[in-house]
Amino acid sequence: MRNSYAIGPNGHYALSEEEQAMCERVANRLLDLPAVSQGKDGRRLSIEHEDESIGRVAWIDALSANSINTVELLFHYLSRATAFGGAVNETNLNAALDMLVDLKPTNSAELMLATQIVTMHVAYLEVASAAATSESALQQEWSLRMMVSTSKAFASQLETFRRLRTVPQQIVRVEHVHLHAASATPGGAQTFEGEPHVRSIPERGAVHCDLKANKEEVPRSRGARK
């Protein structure tokens, strides 16, 4: 903690070393993407960039989308999901887009699932707000149930997203069988029983094993052929 505040000679706040390091960490995390705002006509959303076509390319790249149509579809429905009082809320919209980009989708499947995760989080915030401001016990009970439902769906979507990104783990099954004499037949032949020992080895890549059988010499009966 800082014990005192330092004011520079020009009247601006002088950062401490800890605060400077903090600002650098935050600056490295900030997204260098153009904001999305309500268009002048009040109908379409626009990308705040000197060259809007370049701004579109930036969003296509950030979301790993295949076309600008996919990006505009996300803009449209996220703007409705984050609207306030029926009107587009640019702050809420860009916050939702920032969360979407932070999930770092790498293909269309991940992008669609990441969008569901973000919208489910927004829905949870909405019902949580409704529960806090509800005027009747019935409305509050309904909001609390919706909070439980949306939180479960959110956790399930996160787990699906994790599995979608996890490389399948290969399991190598190694089985050793030890033979020992169990009984002898009237003709002198011996029967054997096996005792398998199974061991599973998780491997990430391909596994090459050289299995050498340990052969034990079995005593021959007197009548057996050489």
Foldseek 3Di string as FASTA:
>chain_A
DDPDWDADPVRDGDDDPVVVVVVVVVVVLDDPAFFWAQDPVRPAIFTPDPDRVVNLVVLCVLLVHDDSVVVRVLLVVLQCLQPDPRGGDRVSSRVLSSQLSVQPDNHDVLSVLSSVLSSLVSVLVVLVVQLVPPDDPVSNVVSVVSNVVSVVVNVVSVVVSVVVPDQDKDKDKDKDWDWDFDDADPVGDTDIDIDIDIDIDIDRDDDDDDDDDDDDDDDGDPPDDD
